[in-house]
Amino acid sequence: MKIEPGRIINDFIEPNKRQYSIPVYQRNYEWSKEQCVKLFEDIVLAFKKDRTHFCGSIVYAQIKEEHNIHYYVVIDGQQRLTTIYIMIKALLDMAQTDKEKEAMNEALVNYDKFDEYAVDTASKLKLKPIKSDNNQLLLLMDNKQDQVDRTSGIWHNYELFCELIKEQQEDGLSVKDIYRGLEKLICAKISLDADDNAQEIFERINSTGVPLSLADKIRNFILMVDADQEKLFEEYWLPTETAVTRDNMTAFFIDYLNIKIDSFAREDLAYDVFKSVYYDGKYTNKSMLEEILHYAKIYKAFLYGNSKYSKKTNQMLSDLQKLKQTTVFLFLFHVFDDYESGIISTAELEKVLEFLRNYSIRRIICEISSNSLRGLYKTLYARVFARKENKEHYYDSLVCFFSQLTSRDVLPTDAAFVTALEVNNLYRKNALCKYLLTAIENQGKEQLITDNLTIEHIMPQNKNLSTAWQTMLGENWQEVRDKYIHTLGNLTLTGYNSELGDKPFIDKKELLTEAHTKVVTLYEDVKSCESWDEKTIQSRAHRLSSIIISLYPIAEAEYQVSFSDPRYQEYSCDDPDTATYKAPNYFILQGERVNCSTFADMLKQFIVRLYGIDKSIIEAMARNNERVVDWSQSIMFSYDENKVNGDYKISGTEIYENVGYSAAHIMYIIRALLDRYDIDRSDFAYSARSNKPADKEGNQ
C-alpha cells in the first residue's frame, strides 16, 4: 500500500488513458444537495483565497491494462469522485469560450491522438459508476439530456451545479476560475498493490459507518479487485442474492461454511473462516462464486421450493420449514448434491425427506431437546455414508443409523410416539399442534383451508371451571383438568374461538357442529358424545393418535446396515474411571460427532467446542486461575503460562490449557465442564475400545 498526498484533478481527472470504475456492488450515487453546495462553496473559496482544500481520501487499485488504457477500481471515495466528475460536465456545458470547452472535455474523456487503441464508448469516459448510474452518466455525457432519468441523483446534481456555476458567472467568476478552484482540492491518495488486502483496508476505512454484513464482506473479498468483477457480479453474485434473498444471506453463508469445515462457524468469526476455506481450497474468485451459487440454488429450494423438484419433494421441504427444522439443511446440502449427481433417484430423495420430517415430528412430540440437532445434522452425512457402499442402500442406511443410535437422538419408537401424543402438552407446541390437527382433518379429502382457524380447547382453559363443567368432569375435576387440558384429546380447530369460550359442553358441541360443517374428522367423536370427561378425552386421543401415526410412519429398512464396530463401545461420563485402559475413536457433544485418537486430543477438541458455545465462562475461569475438579490441585485454564502444566493454548486465544491428565481425570474434567456450562451429561458420550495388555494378548 502506498499513501501519499494527491490532487483530485492532477492525479485522477486529467491524466489520459485511465478509467476509474466504481465496484458494481456499491450503492448508487446519492450525494445530497447540501453536500454538493458545501463542496462547491469550498472550491470557490479555495480559488478566491488561493489555498488548498482537503477533501478526504481516495483508495484505489489497478485491476488491468487493456488497449493502453489503465483500469482502476475505486475502493473508497467514489461518491466524491463522481460528484466532481458531474461538476466538470456542468462546467463544460456552462463554458462561454471554445478554449474552456476544450479544456473541460479533455478532463472528462480519454483521447487517442493517433487512433491506435480503438478507444470506444465503454473506455472513453474516465469514470465508470455502477451499472444504473453509468447508463445515466453516458446519456448526460452524450448530451442526450432528454433521455436522462430526471429522478436520478446524477441529473439532480448536474442541474444544481449548472445553477451554482451560473450564479458565480453573474458575480464575475469564469469557468476557468472555478476549475482552478477544483485544482486546489487535495486528498490522501492511497494506492493498493497486489499484496494488499483490499477488503481489510476497506473495512478499516469504513469502520465508523454502518457495519458490513457477512455477505458484504464476502462479496467485497471476492469481487473488489477482480478485473472481471462486473461479469462475476452479474453472472454469479446477483443470482445468488436473488435466490437466497438479502435477508437470508448471512444464514445461508453460515450453513455453507458449516458444511465446509469440521467445527462450527460462529457469525462473529465466519468471515475469517470463509477466507481460510477460500485459501485452503485454492479457489479462484470464479470457482468460489460457482460453488456458492450452486448451494444458493439448493438453499432456495429449502426455503421456497423449486419446480425442478417433484411435488412431494417440495411438500416435504415446506413441512420441514413449518416445523422450523432448518438445522437439517446441513445434512440436506449433501443429500441434494447426491441427487443432482444422479446417485439417488427422485423416489429415494422423497423417502429421505419424508423420514426426516417424520423423525422431526416424533422428536418434538416426545419432547427431546433440540440442542443436539445442529451437531447431529452437521456430522450425519459423514457418519451414515462413511462407507461408500452405504449409498447403494441410501434410505435404509439412514433409518438403520437412527435406529442404532444410543444417544437421545435415537429414532423414537411407535409406542413412545403414541404415548407422547396422548399424554404430553401438545398446545404449547403451537405450530406443530395446528399442523397435526390440520393433517388429521385433511387426510384423503378436499383440503381444508385452515389459515383463519385457531386451536380450541373443548374443555375450557379457564382454571375456574363453571359448575356445569365441574359436575361433568366429576369429583376429581381439578386433577382431570390439569392433566388433559392441553393434550391432543381435548384440542380441535375452530374459527369461532372467542364465541365458544367457557360455554357448557352441550352448547359448545352445537356451535361446533353448526359452524363447521366442513370440519368432519376432528368433530366426529365430539358430536356423538353426551358428556366430556376423562374417559372421552382418552378415547378421542387414542383415535387421533392412531390417525397421526398412520400419516407419519417410519418405513422400515428393507436392507439392514450395521453401524456397530465390535471392538468399540459407547460410554457416558457417569463413571469417569471407566476410561482407564481405553483408546477412544470419537466423542459426541450435543449431537456432533468428533473424531479423536487419544483422551488428551478429546479434551482439547471438547474445550474448543465449549469455548465456541460461550467463551466468557472459560475466560472467567482463566482470569481467576480456577480448578475445574474440586479435589484436583491443578489449575485448568490461565492467562499465565506458569500456572499450568505445558504451553498449550486454546486455538485463537491467549488462554493456556493444562495438559498431561490421565484418561479418568480427563473424564472428571469433562463432566465438571458440562455441569459448568449447564449441559446435560446425557448430551455427551464417547466411543472407545479396551487397550489392556491382557486384551491384546487375548488372555482376558
Foldseek 3Di string as FASTA:
>chain_A
DDKDKFALQVPQQQDAQEAEEEQQPDDAQDDDPVVLVVVLVQLLVCLVVVAFDEDEEWEKEWQDAALNHTYIYTLPDQNVSLLVLLLLLLLLVLADDPVSVVVSQSRFFHDDPVCRRVQDLVRTGRYAYHDVVNVLVSCSVVVVVVPHDCPGPSNVSSVVSNVVQVVVVVVPDHSVSSVVSSRRYMYTYHYDYPPDQSLVVSCVVCVVDDHDALLRSVLCNLQVSHPCNVVLCVPFVVLLCVLQPPVCVLVLLQLVLLLQDQAHDDRVCSSVSVVCSCVVVVDHSNRVSVVSRVLSNVVSCLVPNDPVADPLLSVLSVLCVLLVVVLLVLQVSVVVVCVVVVLDDSVVSSLQSLQVSLQSLLCVLLVPDCQLSNQQNSCVVCLLCVPVVSSVQVNQSNLLVLCPDPFSSRRDDLVSSLVSQAFPQPVVSPSSLVVLQQCQQQPPDPRDDQPLKHKAFLQAPDLPADPLQDVLADPVSNVQCVRQRRHPLGIHIDNPRVVLHRDANVVNLVCCVVRCVSRDRLCPLSNVDPTDYNVSSSVSSNVSSVSSCVVRDNDHRPDNDDSDDVQKDKDFLPQLVVQPQKFFQWKFASNRIDGDGHLQRVLLVLVLNVCVVPVVLLVVLQPVQDDLDPVDPARAKHLDCVRADDADDNPPDSIGGHDDDGSSVSSSSSVSVCVSVVHPSSSMMTMIGGNPPCVVVVND
